Amino acid sequence: MDWKKYLRTSGAALLLAAPLVAGAADKYPAQPVKIIVPFPAGGQGIDLVARTLAQRMQASAGEAVIVDNRPGGGTVIGTSAAAKAPADGYTLLMMANSFTVNPSLQSNLPYDSRKDFTPVSLLTITPHVLVARQDLPANKLSELLELAKKNPGTVTYASIGNGTSPHLAGEMLKKLTGADLVHVPHKGTPLALTSLMGGHVDVLFGNLPDVLPYVNDGKLKALAISAPKRHASLPDVPTMEEQGLAEFESNSWYGMLAPANVPDSTIQQLNELVVSILQEKEVRESFDARGLEVIASTPAEFGDWLRKEMDKYAQIIKESGARID
């Protein structure tokens, strides 16, 4: 999918915040900023994006910018902390797909995903790669599905947690192919990858930046990539469509939000700061080399994106029967 074209034609109907208004504004930031990441530290995905932004924001603004990793509860712990933070723009939230998944999986969230946050920007998108342990007797998608067919209930797929996009990717694969795959949730990407490389599980839908180093080192093998076309970093890995699953689409996006009711002028300045960083040549090239496509949207575009993603995942969850297990 052409993500930038999608955003331009999506209508940009801002869901989570009022339209921005022009006018004089106090300089932002004028004090230290905290970015909550509701995932474990480490890895090449969301934590990398958060820390890159934090470093550049601090250098540009001259104020300390701290990354605060608060994993747990399927991202609910960190997200709840951000929702309860003062509406001054000095506590921010880095989020991924689970923000739009959790409303359909959990009925008792301690926050309202549609009302308690203000979108800042959709930052990056990265495709999922289906990777397997090196000694698994399957080197392509069809061989994995055949293995699951011949050995029902024994082929396992790891995820980085219940309700995450890699979890739902596995559920979609099961639904589309009828493969009997057993879900094994883990608390974050590092643990899931360790389990996979240790031979405790068989496959994993991983974010391209997270799995690429291990594929390149020969510790994991890539069976398929969920992208419109093959990726330059893994040119020999066929897409899901090339292997017969044209309707399969799975990725991880990373975005920045603030608590609800942060002043419009603050959101405007924050968006301009973040977008300017993402447009830096060094940042774009670094992210691109890791499989992260820079988006850098407006707050309105991101608000519309979130609404559409919530609706999409609600339908996927209903059809797949996915649950918090």
Protein backbone atom coordinates (compact mmCIF):
# COMPACT_ATOMS: atom_id res chain seq x y z
CA MET A 1 0.00 0.00 0.00
CA ASP A 2 1.14 3.56 -0.74
CA TRP A 3 0.78 4.88 2.82
CA LYS A 4 1.33 8.53 1.94
CA LYS A 5 -1.31 8.36 -0.81
CA TYR A 6 -3.67 6.66 1.64
CA LEU A 7 -3.22 9.49 4.12
CA ARG A 8 -3.69 12.16 1.48
CA THR A 9 -6.96 10.65 0.28
CA SER A 10 -8.32 9.46 3.61
CA GLY A 11 -10.20 12.67 4.32
CA ALA A 12 -8.02 13.49 7.34
CA ALA A 13 -11.08 13.70 9.60
CA LEU A 14 -9.44 14.33 12.94
CA LEU A 15 -10.94 11.98 15.51
CA LEU A 16 -9.07 12.50 18.70
CA ALA A 17 -8.43 16.22 18.83
CA ALA A 18 -9.99 19.49 17.80
CA PRO A 19 -8.61 21.19 14.66
CA LEU A 20 -5.41 23.10 15.21
CA VAL A 21 -5.65 26.86 15.23
CA ALA A 22 -3.10 29.45 14.30
CA GLY A 23 -1.90 32.04 16.71
CA ALA A 24 0.85 33.03 19.07
CA ALA A 25 2.21 30.25 21.24
CA ASP A 26 4.73 29.82 23.98
CA LYS A 27 7.93 28.13 22.88
CA TYR A 28 7.76 24.35 23.12
CA PRO A 29 9.44 22.58 24.74
CA ALA A 30 10.42 24.81 27.62
CA GLN A 31 11.08 22.01 30.13
CA PRO A 32 12.07 18.30 30.08
CA VAL A 33 9.90 15.94 28.04
CA LYS A 34 9.11 12.31 28.82
CA ILE A 35 8.22 9.81 26.10
CA ILE A 36 6.48 6.71 27.45
CA VAL A 37 7.11 3.54 25.44
CA PRO A 38 4.80 0.72 26.61
CA PHE A 39 7.23 -1.92 25.35
CA PRO A 40 10.50 -3.33 26.76
CA ALA A 41 13.74 -1.48 26.09
CA GLY A 42 15.93 -2.76 23.28
CA GLY A 43 15.23 -3.92 19.77
CA GLN A 44 15.28 -2.17 16.43
CA GLY A 45 11.61 -1.16 16.22
CA ILE A 46 9.58 1.21 18.35
CA ASP A 47 12.28 1.68 20.97
CA LEU A 48 14.77 2.66 18.28
CA VAL A 49 12.33 5.20 16.82
CA ALA A 50 11.58 6.63 20.28
CA ARG A 51 15.23 6.99 21.22
CA THR A 52 16.18 8.50 17.89
CA LEU A 53 13.45 11.11 18.25
CA ALA A 54 14.36 11.78 21.87
CA GLN A 55 18.00 12.37 21.01
CA ARG A 56 17.20 14.68 18.11
CA MET A 57 14.49 16.55 20.02
CA GLN A 58 16.88 17.20 22.87
CA ALA A 59 19.60 18.42 20.52
CA SER A 60 17.17 20.68 18.68
CA ALA A 61 15.22 22.10 21.61
CA GLY A 62 17.91 22.17 24.28
CA GLU A 63 15.67 20.43 26.83
CA ALA A 64 16.11 16.92 28.23
CA VAL A 65 13.95 14.29 26.50
CA ILE A 66 13.70 11.01 28.41
CA VAL A 67 12.45 7.65 27.12
CA ASP A 68 10.47 5.83 29.81
CA ASN A 69 9.89 2.15 28.99
CA ARG A 70 6.79 0.82 30.78
CA PRO A 71 5.95 -2.61 29.38
CA GLY A 72 3.20 -4.88 30.63
CA GLY A 73 -0.47 -5.62 30.28
CA GLY A 74 -0.34 -5.75 26.50
CA THR A 75 0.81 -2.07 26.47
CA VAL A 76 -2.05 -1.09 28.81
CA ILE A 77 0.22 -0.12 31.73
CA GLY A 78 2.25 2.46 29.82
CA THR A 79 -0.71 3.71 27.83
CA SER A 80 -2.77 4.24 30.97
CA ALA A 81 0.06 6.21 32.55
CA ALA A 82 0.18 8.50 29.52
CA ALA A 83 -3.59 8.99 29.55
CA LYS A 84 -3.44 10.18 33.17
CA ALA A 85 -0.51 12.57 32.62
CA PRO A 86 -1.00 16.34 32.71
CA ALA A 87 -2.31 17.80 29.47
CA ASP A 88 0.70 20.06 28.94
CA GLY A 89 2.58 18.21 26.20
CA TYR A 90 5.46 17.16 28.43
CA THR A 91 4.41 13.52 28.68
CA LEU A 92 4.06 11.79 25.32
CA LEU A 93 3.21 8.26 24.23
CA MET A 94 4.91 6.20 21.54
CA MET A 95 2.42 3.65 20.28
CA ALA A 96 1.96 0.85 17.78
CA ASN A 97 -0.90 -1.27 16.45
CA SER A 98 -1.92 -2.52 19.88
CA PHE A 99 -3.38 0.94 20.60
CA THR A 100 -6.06 0.26 17.99
CA VAL A 101 -6.35 -3.45 18.76
CA ASN A 102 -6.93 -3.35 22.51
CA PRO A 103 -10.38 -1.67 22.39
CA SER A 104 -11.72 -4.76 20.59
CA LEU A 105 -9.92 -7.27 22.79
CA GLN A 106 -10.37 -5.78 26.24
CA SER A 107 -13.64 -4.41 27.54
CA ASN A 108 -12.22 -2.96 30.74
CA LEU A 109 -9.44 -0.69 29.53
CA PRO A 110 -8.58 2.00 32.13
CA TYR A 111 -8.70 4.64 29.39
CA ASP A 112 -10.79 5.50 26.33
CA SER A 113 -8.65 5.11 23.19
CA ARG A 114 -10.92 7.42 21.21
CA LYS A 115 -11.25 10.23 23.75
CA ASP A 116 -8.26 10.28 26.09
CA PHE A 117 -5.49 11.05 23.58
CA THR A 118 -4.46 13.67 21.04
CA PRO A 119 -2.64 12.45 17.91
CA VAL A 120 0.69 14.06 17.06
CA SER A 121 2.02 12.13 14.06
CA LEU A 122 2.12 8.75 12.40
CA LEU A 123 5.87 8.23 12.31
CA THR A 124 6.88 5.04 10.51
CA ILE A 125 5.50 1.78 9.14
CA THR A 126 7.33 -1.53 8.76
CA PRO A 127 6.18 -4.85 7.28
CA HIS A 128 6.07 -8.11 9.18
CA VAL A 129 8.40 -10.93 8.23
CA LEU A 130 7.49 -14.55 8.91
CA VAL A 131 10.69 -16.03 10.34
CA ALA A 132 11.45 -19.55 11.54
CA ARG A 133 14.05 -21.24 13.69
CA GLN A 134 16.95 -22.44 11.57
CA ASP A 135 16.32 -26.17 12.04
CA LEU A 136 12.60 -26.09 11.23
CA PRO A 137 11.98 -28.45 8.27
CA ALA A 138 10.29 -25.72 6.23
CA ASN A 139 11.94 -23.11 4.03
CA LYS A 140 8.89 -21.44 2.51
CA LEU A 141 5.31 -20.70 3.44
CA SER A 142 3.82 -23.72 1.66
CA GLU A 143 6.19 -26.07 3.50
CA LEU A 144 5.24 -24.51 6.84
CA LEU A 145 1.54 -24.97 6.10
CA GLU A 146 2.12 -28.57 5.02
CA LEU A 147 4.07 -29.23 8.21
CA ALA A 148 1.20 -27.86 10.29
CA LYS A 149 -1.29 -29.96 8.32
CA LYS A 150 0.65 -33.18 8.90
CA ASN A 151 1.31 -32.40 12.57
CA PRO A 152 -1.83 -30.65 13.90
CA GLY A 153 -1.45 -28.86 17.21
CA THR A 154 2.34 -29.11 17.28
CA VAL A 155 3.60 -26.19 15.17
CA THR A 156 3.87 -23.08 17.34
CA TYR A 157 4.05 -19.38 16.56
CA ALA A 158 5.38 -16.84 19.01
CA SER A 159 4.10 -13.33 19.43
CA ILE A 160 5.35 -10.32 21.36
CA GLY A 161 2.20 -10.38 23.48
CA ASN A 162 -1.53 -11.01 23.41
CA GLY A 163 -3.38 -8.59 21.16
CA THR A 164 -0.28 -7.32 19.38
CA SER A 165 -0.18 -7.15 15.60
CA PRO A 166 2.15 -10.20 15.35
CA HIS A 167 -0.43 -12.17 17.36
CA LEU A 168 -3.21 -11.12 14.99
CA ALA A 169 -0.99 -11.86 11.98
CA GLY A 170 -0.78 -15.45 13.18
CA GLU A 171 -4.52 -15.58 13.67
CA MET A 172 -5.12 -14.23 10.17
CA LEU A 173 -2.77 -16.84 8.71
CA LYS A 174 -4.69 -19.55 10.53
CA LYS A 175 -8.02 -18.25 9.28
CA LEU A 176 -6.93 -17.81 5.66
CA THR A 177 -5.16 -21.16 5.34
CA GLY A 178 -6.76 -23.40 7.96
CA ALA A 179 -3.32 -24.09 9.41
CA ASP A 180 -3.37 -25.54 12.92
CA LEU A 181 -0.87 -23.23 14.61
CA VAL A 182 -0.54 -22.84 18.38
CA HIS A 183 -0.08 -19.33 19.78
CA VAL A 184 2.69 -18.82 22.37
CA PRO A 185 2.66 -15.20 23.67
CA HIS A 186 5.80 -13.59 25.09
CA LYS A 187 6.42 -10.38 27.00
CA GLY A 188 8.04 -8.35 24.28
CA THR A 189 10.23 -8.78 21.22
CA PRO A 190 13.54 -9.73 22.92
CA LEU A 191 11.97 -12.67 24.77
CA ALA A 192 10.09 -13.87 21.69
CA LEU A 193 13.23 -13.81 19.57
CA THR A 194 15.24 -15.59 22.26
CA SER A 195 12.59 -18.27 22.47
CA LEU A 196 12.56 -18.70 18.70
CA MET A 197 16.33 -18.90 18.34
CA GLY A 198 16.44 -21.31 21.26
CA GLY A 199 14.09 -23.68 19.47
CA HIS A 200 11.25 -23.35 21.97
CA VAL A 201 8.83 -22.12 19.29
CA ASP A 202 8.77 -22.60 15.54
CA VAL A 203 7.89 -19.33 13.81
CA LEU A 204 7.22 -15.66 14.50
CA PHE A 205 5.75 -12.72 12.65
CA GLY A 206 8.36 -10.10 13.47
CA ASN A 207 8.84 -6.47 12.57
CA LEU A 208 11.43 -6.21 9.81
CA PRO A 209 13.87 -4.07 11.86
CA ASP A 210 13.72 -6.54 14.77
CA VAL A 211 14.36 -9.74 12.81
CA LEU A 212 16.67 -8.47 10.05
CA PRO A 213 19.94 -8.72 12.04
CA TYR A 214 19.21 -12.34 12.98
CA VAL A 215 18.28 -13.30 9.43
CA ASN A 216 21.47 -11.70 8.14
CA ASP A 217 23.52 -13.55 10.78
CA GLY A 218 21.94 -16.88 9.84
CA LYS A 219 20.30 -17.35 13.24
CA LEU A 220 16.81 -17.26 11.74
CA LYS A 221 15.41 -17.91 8.27
CA ALA A 222 12.80 -15.76 6.59
CA LEU A 223 9.89 -17.55 4.90
CA ALA A 224 7.82 -14.59 3.68
CA ILE A 225 7.39 -10.84 3.97
CA SER A 226 4.04 -9.10 4.28
CA ALA A 227 4.66 -6.19 1.95
CA PRO A 228 3.40 -5.09 -1.49
CA LYS A 229 6.78 -6.03 -2.98
CA ARG A 230 10.04 -7.61 -1.89
CA HIS A 231 12.21 -5.48 0.36
CA ALA A 232 15.69 -4.36 -0.64
CA SER A 233 17.12 -5.63 2.65
CA LEU A 234 15.73 -9.14 2.01
CA PRO A 235 15.62 -9.40 -1.80
CA ASP A 236 15.39 -13.20 -1.85
CA VAL A 237 12.42 -13.41 0.50
CA PRO A 238 9.11 -13.67 -1.41
CA THR A 239 6.03 -11.73 -0.40
CA MET A 240 2.93 -13.37 1.01
CA GLU A 241 1.15 -12.51 -2.25
CA GLU A 242 3.80 -14.29 -4.31
CA GLN A 243 3.07 -17.37 -2.22
CA GLY A 244 -0.65 -17.33 -2.79
CA LEU A 245 -1.99 -15.02 -0.06
CA ALA A 246 -2.79 -11.80 -1.89
CA GLU A 247 -5.34 -10.80 0.78
CA PHE A 248 -2.82 -11.07 3.63
CA GLU A 249 -1.55 -7.74 4.95
CA SER A 250 0.29 -7.30 8.22
CA ASN A 251 2.60 -4.58 9.48
CA SER A 252 3.51 -2.49 12.48
CA TRP A 253 3.17 1.26 12.59
CA TYR A 254 4.66 3.57 15.18
CA GLY A 255 3.08 6.84 16.15
CA MET A 256 3.20 9.58 18.76
CA LEU A 257 0.27 10.72 20.88
CA ALA A 258 -0.27 13.12 23.77
CA PRO A 259 -2.93 13.15 26.49
CA ALA A 260 -6.27 14.70 25.57
CA ASN A 261 -6.71 18.47 25.87
CA VAL A 262 -3.09 19.42 25.22
CA PRO A 263 -3.25 22.94 23.73
CA ASP A 264 -3.52 23.01 19.95
CA SER A 265 -0.54 25.33 19.67
CA THR A 266 1.62 22.85 21.60
CA ILE A 267 0.53 19.95 19.36
CA GLN A 268 1.31 22.06 16.30
CA GLN A 269 4.82 22.86 17.51
CA LEU A 270 5.44 19.28 18.56
CA ASN A 271 4.31 17.95 15.19
CA GLU A 272 6.54 20.40 13.34
CA LEU A 273 9.51 19.39 15.49
CA VAL A 274 8.95 15.66 15.01
CA VAL A 275 8.32 15.94 11.27
CA SER A 276 11.45 18.05 10.79
CA ILE A 277 13.51 15.34 12.52
CA LEU A 278 11.98 12.57 10.42
CA GLN A 279 12.84 14.53 7.27
CA GLU A 280 16.53 14.70 8.16
CA LYS A 281 18.52 12.79 5.56
CA GLU A 282 20.55 10.88 8.15
CA VAL A 283 17.43 9.80 10.05
CA ARG A 284 15.55 8.73 6.92
CA GLU A 285 18.50 6.72 5.61
CA SER A 286 19.05 5.06 8.98
CA PHE A 287 15.40 4.06 9.29
CA ASP A 288 15.19 2.93 5.67
CA ALA A 289 18.19 0.64 6.13
CA ARG A 290 16.31 -1.03 8.98
CA GLY A 291 13.07 -1.45 7.05
CA LEU A 292 11.25 1.50 8.60
CA GLU A 293 9.33 3.62 6.10
CA VAL A 294 9.06 7.23 7.28
CA ILE A 295 5.52 8.67 7.08
CA ALA A 296 5.59 11.91 9.14
CA SER A 297 1.88 12.78 9.00
CA THR A 298 -0.12 15.71 10.31
CA PRO A 299 -2.09 15.28 13.53
CA ALA A 300 -5.34 15.26 11.52
CA GLU A 301 -4.09 12.51 9.21
CA PHE A 302 -2.98 10.42 12.15
CA GLY A 303 -6.33 10.90 13.87
CA ASP A 304 -8.12 9.58 10.80
CA TRP A 305 -5.64 6.70 10.53
CA LEU A 306 -6.35 5.67 14.13
CA ARG A 307 -10.10 5.62 13.53
CA LYS A 308 -9.73 3.45 10.44
CA GLU A 309 -7.30 1.10 12.20
CA MET A 310 -9.67 0.63 15.14
CA ASP A 311 -12.49 -0.22 12.75
CA LYS A 312 -10.25 -2.58 10.74
CA TYR A 313 -9.00 -4.52 13.74
CA ALA A 314 -12.48 -4.77 15.22
CA GLN A 315 -13.51 -6.63 12.07
CA ILE A 316 -10.38 -8.80 11.99
CA ILE A 317 -10.81 -9.80 15.63
CA LYS A 318 -14.48 -10.59 15.12
CA GLU A 319 -13.78 -12.76 12.08
CA SER A 320 -10.69 -14.52 13.43
CA GLY A 321 -12.02 -15.22 16.91
CA ALA A 322 -8.77 -13.93 18.40
CA ARG A 323 -8.84 -13.56 22.15
CA ILE A 324 -6.67 -12.74 25.13
CA ASP A 325 -5.55 -16.20 26.14
